[in-house]
Amino acid sequence: LKLESTQSTISSNEDLLPGIEAIRSQNHDLCEKLETLTKQPYFRLYTVDMLASCEYIPQELTECYSETCEIYPIDEEDIPQDIRRVDALEHDFEIDGWARWDMPTDDYYDIFQFPEEYTGYDGNEVWRFVHDRICFEGYQYDDDHWKADYNKAVSGLHSMISAQIVRGIQKRVESGEGFTEEEKWTDPEIEFRRRLSPNGETTLAIENLYFCYMLCLTAASKARDRLLEDCNSGKINSEAAKELRPILDSPLLLDQGVEAASCKLHDHAV
């Protein structure tokens, strides 16, 4: 789903419109650069404990028998030693304390080997828990409060997953691969209207997607100096650094309209 081509955008916040328009006009160029960057091992491989129990939803570990959900770490000999060495030294970030629960492991996964795809998995139970228990109740959409902004960001993340699902269904249709009898979502247009359109289940799903994306772009902008420092010091190798530098110079990372989402969250929280 290309943000700049989405025609169903509705914004109830005029201060978000300049950022939305900037993304619509410039996102294609940035996406092309990001796609090139993610071919580099430094931005293609990630380490995470896939089998760790969720701290918020303790569950009994059971194996999923759906082949579409299978994901495996890459072989140990395929992990560049310089990446492993840098990751081993960088694990003490102070980000709300969540990092204590999601420490790097010896397992690395490849986003090209297992890309984001439609698997047919029904995540309703998980998303219901996220919206009902992790998000904040009692706040209207346009309330001037950081908790309302937080809810927008989480909804935007949900919209991103929904967009991936719709795209995955469309790819299935175009490839002729077909669907199993158990898969209940098979029409991309129906799912787009239900999940992302103004007349769907979440009327401001696309606006929330933009809001969340603005936060991500601003976060990248805030990390720019650190990333450039890592490029210069060799923590990020020269080939990956060559692809990263043009991204860090993207106008979207410096656009004041794009910073509106971050400013709202910051001003409401302080």
Protein backbone atom coordinates (compact mmCIF):
# COMPACT_ATOMS: atom_id res chain seq x y z
CA LEU A 1 0.00 0.00 0.00
CA LYS A 2 1.63 3.22 -1.20
CA LEU A 3 0.76 6.11 1.11
CA GLU A 4 1.06 8.73 -1.59
CA SER A 5 -1.52 6.96 -3.76
CA THR A 6 -4.11 6.42 -1.06
CA GLN A 7 -7.19 8.44 -2.00
CA SER A 8 -9.30 7.69 1.11
CA THR A 9 -7.36 9.94 3.46
CA ILE A 10 -9.51 11.85 5.93
CA SER A 11 -7.94 14.13 8.49
CA SER A 12 -9.84 15.65 11.36
CA ASN A 13 -6.68 17.55 12.34
CA GLU A 14 -5.74 20.45 10.10
CA ASP A 15 -2.28 20.59 11.65
CA LEU A 16 -1.56 17.12 10.25
CA LEU A 17 -2.48 18.01 6.66
CA PRO A 18 0.87 19.62 5.68
CA GLY A 19 2.72 16.50 6.86
CA ILE A 20 0.30 14.21 5.06
CA GLU A 21 0.73 16.17 1.82
CA ALA A 22 4.53 16.10 2.19
CA ILE A 23 4.45 12.32 2.57
CA ARG A 24 2.11 11.90 -0.39
CA SER A 25 4.43 13.91 -2.64
CA GLN A 26 7.82 12.62 -1.45
CA ASN A 27 7.31 9.16 0.01
CA HIS A 28 7.89 7.28 -3.24
CA ASP A 29 11.49 8.48 -3.49
CA LEU A 30 12.17 7.64 0.16
CA CYS A 31 10.63 4.16 -0.20
CA GLU A 32 12.88 3.38 -3.16
CA LYS A 33 15.94 4.30 -1.09
CA LEU A 34 14.71 2.25 1.87
CA GLU A 35 14.14 -0.79 -0.33
CA THR A 36 17.73 -0.51 -1.53
CA LEU A 37 19.02 -0.08 2.02
CA THR A 38 17.23 -3.19 3.30
CA LYS A 39 19.22 -5.31 0.88
CA GLN A 40 22.26 -4.61 3.04
CA PRO A 41 22.88 -7.17 5.84
CA TYR A 42 23.12 -4.35 8.40
CA PHE A 43 19.47 -3.47 7.70
CA ARG A 44 18.21 -6.86 6.56
CA LEU A 45 19.10 -9.03 9.53
CA TYR A 46 17.61 -8.62 12.99
CA THR A 47 17.90 -10.50 16.24
CA VAL A 48 14.92 -11.27 18.45
CA ASP A 49 13.68 -14.07 20.68
CA MET A 50 10.73 -15.29 18.61
CA LEU A 51 9.70 -17.85 21.21
CA ALA A 52 9.75 -15.51 24.21
CA SER A 53 6.48 -15.27 26.10
CA CYS A 54 4.73 -11.90 25.91
CA GLU A 55 5.08 -9.99 29.19
CA TYR A 56 1.56 -8.63 28.80
CA ILE A 57 -0.20 -11.82 27.68
CA PRO A 58 1.49 -14.80 29.38
CA GLN A 59 0.63 -17.83 27.28
CA GLU A 60 1.45 -21.49 27.19
CA LEU A 61 3.90 -22.14 24.35
CA THR A 62 2.20 -24.22 21.68
CA GLU A 63 3.41 -24.94 18.19
CA CYS A 64 1.53 -23.40 15.28
CA TYR A 65 0.88 -25.96 12.56
CA SER A 66 0.21 -23.44 9.80
CA GLU A 67 2.99 -23.65 7.21
CA THR A 68 2.39 -20.03 6.19
CA CYS A 69 3.42 -18.87 9.67
CA GLU A 70 6.72 -20.75 9.77
CA ILE A 71 9.83 -18.65 10.27
CA TYR A 72 13.35 -19.86 11.04
CA PRO A 73 16.61 -18.13 11.96
CA ILE A 74 19.39 -18.05 9.42
CA ASP A 75 22.35 -20.40 9.79
CA GLU A 76 24.97 -19.23 12.25
CA GLU A 77 27.70 -19.15 9.61
CA ASP A 78 25.62 -16.68 7.59
CA ILE A 79 25.66 -14.06 10.37
CA PRO A 80 28.40 -11.46 9.69
CA GLN A 81 30.71 -11.34 12.69
CA ASP A 82 30.91 -7.55 12.67
CA ILE A 83 27.13 -7.32 13.03
CA ARG A 84 27.14 -9.84 15.86
CA ARG A 85 29.94 -7.93 17.60
CA VAL A 86 28.16 -4.55 17.40
CA ASP A 87 24.86 -6.02 18.60
CA ALA A 88 26.55 -7.66 21.56
CA LEU A 89 27.84 -4.28 22.72
CA GLU A 90 24.58 -2.38 22.21
CA HIS A 91 21.92 -3.60 24.60
CA ASP A 92 21.70 -0.95 27.30
CA PHE A 93 19.32 1.57 25.73
CA GLU A 94 17.00 3.22 28.23
CA ILE A 95 13.67 3.16 26.39
CA ASP A 96 10.92 2.89 29.00
CA GLY A 97 12.41 -0.35 30.26
CA TRP A 98 10.92 -2.57 27.53
CA ALA A 99 14.41 -3.47 26.35
CA ARG A 100 14.87 -5.48 29.53
CA TRP A 101 12.28 -7.91 28.21
CA ASP A 102 13.41 -8.08 24.59
CA MET A 103 17.13 -8.60 24.70
CA PRO A 104 18.99 -9.75 21.58
CA THR A 105 19.57 -13.48 21.24
CA ASP A 106 21.90 -15.64 19.18
CA ASP A 107 19.15 -16.06 16.58
CA TYR A 108 19.08 -13.77 13.54
CA TYR A 109 16.26 -13.53 11.00
CA ASP A 110 16.31 -12.29 7.41
CA ILE A 111 13.49 -9.99 6.26
CA PHE A 112 14.04 -11.20 2.69
CA GLN A 113 13.87 -14.86 3.58
CA PHE A 114 10.68 -14.31 5.56
CA PRO A 115 9.10 -11.04 4.35
CA GLU A 116 5.87 -9.53 5.59
CA GLU A 117 3.16 -11.57 3.92
CA TYR A 118 -0.47 -12.58 4.27
CA THR A 119 -0.53 -15.84 6.24
CA GLY A 120 -4.24 -16.21 6.92
CA TYR A 121 -3.61 -15.87 10.66
CA ASP A 122 -6.51 -14.36 12.59
CA GLY A 123 -5.01 -11.81 15.00
CA ASN A 124 -8.33 -10.49 16.32
CA GLU A 125 -7.70 -11.77 19.83
CA VAL A 126 -4.31 -10.09 20.03
CA TRP A 127 -5.52 -6.76 18.64
CA ARG A 128 -8.57 -6.78 20.88
CA PHE A 129 -6.25 -7.17 23.87
CA VAL A 130 -3.97 -4.38 22.60
CA HIS A 131 -6.80 -1.89 22.08
CA ASP A 132 -8.72 -2.83 25.23
CA ARG A 133 -5.90 -3.35 27.70
CA ILE A 134 -2.74 -1.59 26.49
CA CYS A 135 -4.38 1.45 24.94
CA PHE A 136 -6.14 3.98 27.15
CA GLU A 137 -9.91 4.03 27.63
CA GLY A 138 -11.96 7.15 28.18
CA TYR A 139 -10.18 9.39 25.69
CA GLN A 140 -11.84 10.83 22.61
CA TYR A 141 -9.97 10.91 19.32
CA ASP A 142 -9.20 14.63 19.35
CA ASP A 143 -8.60 15.04 23.09
CA ASP A 144 -5.57 17.20 23.88
CA HIS A 145 -3.85 14.46 25.85
CA TRP A 146 -0.83 12.27 25.18
CA LYS A 147 -2.90 9.16 25.86
CA ALA A 148 -5.19 10.05 22.96
CA ASP A 149 -2.05 10.50 20.80
CA TYR A 150 -0.76 7.13 21.99
CA ASN A 151 -4.03 5.49 20.95
CA LYS A 152 -3.66 7.08 17.48
CA ALA A 153 -0.14 5.69 17.13
CA VAL A 154 -1.21 2.16 18.11
CA SER A 155 -4.15 2.37 15.73
CA GLY A 156 -1.72 3.49 13.01
CA LEU A 157 0.44 0.43 13.67
CA HIS A 158 -2.69 -1.71 13.35
CA SER A 159 -3.48 0.03 10.05
CA MET A 160 0.01 -0.79 8.80
CA ILE A 161 -0.54 -4.49 9.51
CA SER A 162 -3.94 -4.29 7.82
CA ALA A 163 -2.33 -2.71 4.75
CA GLN A 164 0.20 -5.55 4.60
CA ILE A 165 -2.63 -8.08 4.79
CA VAL A 166 -4.56 -6.39 1.99
CA ARG A 167 -1.44 -6.24 -0.16
CA GLY A 168 -0.74 -9.91 0.58
CA ILE A 169 -4.25 -10.94 -0.44
CA GLN A 170 -3.89 -8.96 -3.67
CA LYS A 171 -0.57 -10.70 -4.41
CA ARG A 172 -2.23 -14.07 -3.88
CA VAL A 173 -4.98 -13.16 -6.32
CA GLU A 174 -2.55 -11.86 -8.96
CA SER A 175 -0.25 -14.86 -8.68
CA GLY A 176 -3.12 -17.36 -8.99
CA GLU A 177 -1.87 -19.11 -5.86
CA GLY A 178 -5.37 -19.26 -4.42
CA PHE A 179 -6.57 -19.71 -0.87
CA THR A 180 -7.26 -22.62 1.45
CA GLU A 181 -10.75 -23.43 2.65
CA GLU A 182 -9.84 -22.18 6.12
CA GLU A 183 -8.84 -18.70 4.91
CA LYS A 184 -11.81 -16.37 5.23
CA TRP A 185 -10.23 -13.20 3.79
CA THR A 186 -9.84 -13.59 0.03
CA ASP A 187 -11.03 -10.34 -1.55
CA PRO A 188 -8.57 -7.41 -1.28
CA GLU A 189 -11.17 -4.75 -2.13
CA ILE A 190 -13.58 -5.97 0.54
CA GLU A 191 -10.80 -6.13 3.12
CA PHE A 192 -9.53 -2.66 2.23
CA ARG A 193 -12.99 -1.19 2.66
CA ARG A 194 -13.51 -3.04 5.93
CA ARG A 195 -10.12 -2.36 7.48
CA LEU A 196 -8.92 0.95 6.06
CA SER A 197 -11.64 2.96 4.34
CA PRO A 198 -13.51 5.88 5.95
CA ASN A 199 -16.65 3.74 5.91
CA GLY A 200 -14.96 0.74 7.50
CA GLU A 201 -14.50 -0.47 11.04
CA THR A 202 -11.99 2.30 11.85
CA THR A 203 -13.05 5.48 10.08
CA LEU A 204 -9.72 7.25 10.62
CA ALA A 205 -7.49 4.25 9.95
CA ILE A 206 -5.53 5.99 7.19
CA GLU A 207 -5.08 9.19 9.20
CA ASN A 208 -3.75 7.08 12.07
CA LEU A 209 -1.39 5.37 9.66
CA TYR A 210 -0.01 8.74 8.63
CA PHE A 211 0.24 9.80 12.29
CA CYS A 212 2.27 6.71 13.16
CA TYR A 213 4.46 7.11 10.07
CA MET A 214 5.17 10.74 11.00
CA LEU A 215 6.37 9.58 14.41
CA CYS A 216 8.68 7.04 12.73
CA LEU A 217 10.11 9.66 10.36
CA THR A 218 10.70 12.07 13.24
CA ALA A 219 12.37 9.31 15.26
CA ALA A 220 14.71 8.66 12.33
CA SER A 221 15.43 12.39 12.17
CA LYS A 222 16.26 12.47 15.90
CA ALA A 223 18.60 9.51 15.44
CA ARG A 224 20.32 11.09 12.43
CA ASP A 225 23.44 12.30 14.25
CA ARG A 226 23.93 8.96 15.98
CA LEU A 227 23.51 7.05 12.74
CA LEU A 228 25.99 9.32 10.94
CA GLU A 229 28.40 8.81 13.82
CA ASP A 230 28.10 5.06 13.37
CA CYS A 231 28.68 5.46 9.63
CA ASN A 232 31.86 7.44 10.27
CA SER A 233 33.15 5.12 13.00
CA GLY A 234 32.66 1.94 10.99
CA LYS A 235 29.95 0.43 13.19
CA ILE A 236 27.87 0.55 10.03
CA ASN A 237 30.06 -0.69 7.20
CA SER A 238 30.91 1.53 4.26
CA GLU A 239 28.59 -0.17 1.77
CA ALA A 240 25.55 0.16 4.05
CA ALA A 241 26.58 3.69 5.06
CA LYS A 242 26.64 4.71 1.39
CA GLU A 243 22.96 3.70 1.06
CA LEU A 244 21.97 5.18 4.43
CA ARG A 245 23.33 8.71 4.01
CA PRO A 246 20.87 9.78 1.24
CA ILE A 247 18.00 8.57 3.42
CA LEU A 248 19.18 10.67 6.34
CA ASP A 249 19.22 13.67 3.98
CA SER A 250 15.62 13.06 2.83
CA PRO A 251 13.47 16.22 3.02
CA LEU A 252 10.80 14.20 4.80
CA LEU A 253 13.08 13.81 7.82
CA LEU A 254 13.40 17.57 8.09
CA ASP A 255 9.86 18.60 7.17
CA GLN A 256 8.13 20.68 9.86
CA GLY A 257 4.74 19.38 8.76
CA VAL A 258 5.88 15.81 9.35
CA GLU A 259 7.04 16.80 12.83
CA ALA A 260 3.47 17.83 13.76
CA ALA A 261 2.59 14.39 15.14
CA SER A 262 5.67 14.29 17.36
CA CYS A 263 5.07 17.86 18.54
CA LYS A 264 1.48 17.06 19.51
CA LEU A 265 2.57 14.03 21.51
CA HIS A 266 5.44 15.91 23.15
CA ASP A 267 3.41 19.02 24.01
CA HIS A 268 0.57 16.95 25.45
CA ALA A 269 2.94 14.86 27.55
CA VAL A 270 5.06 17.68 29.01
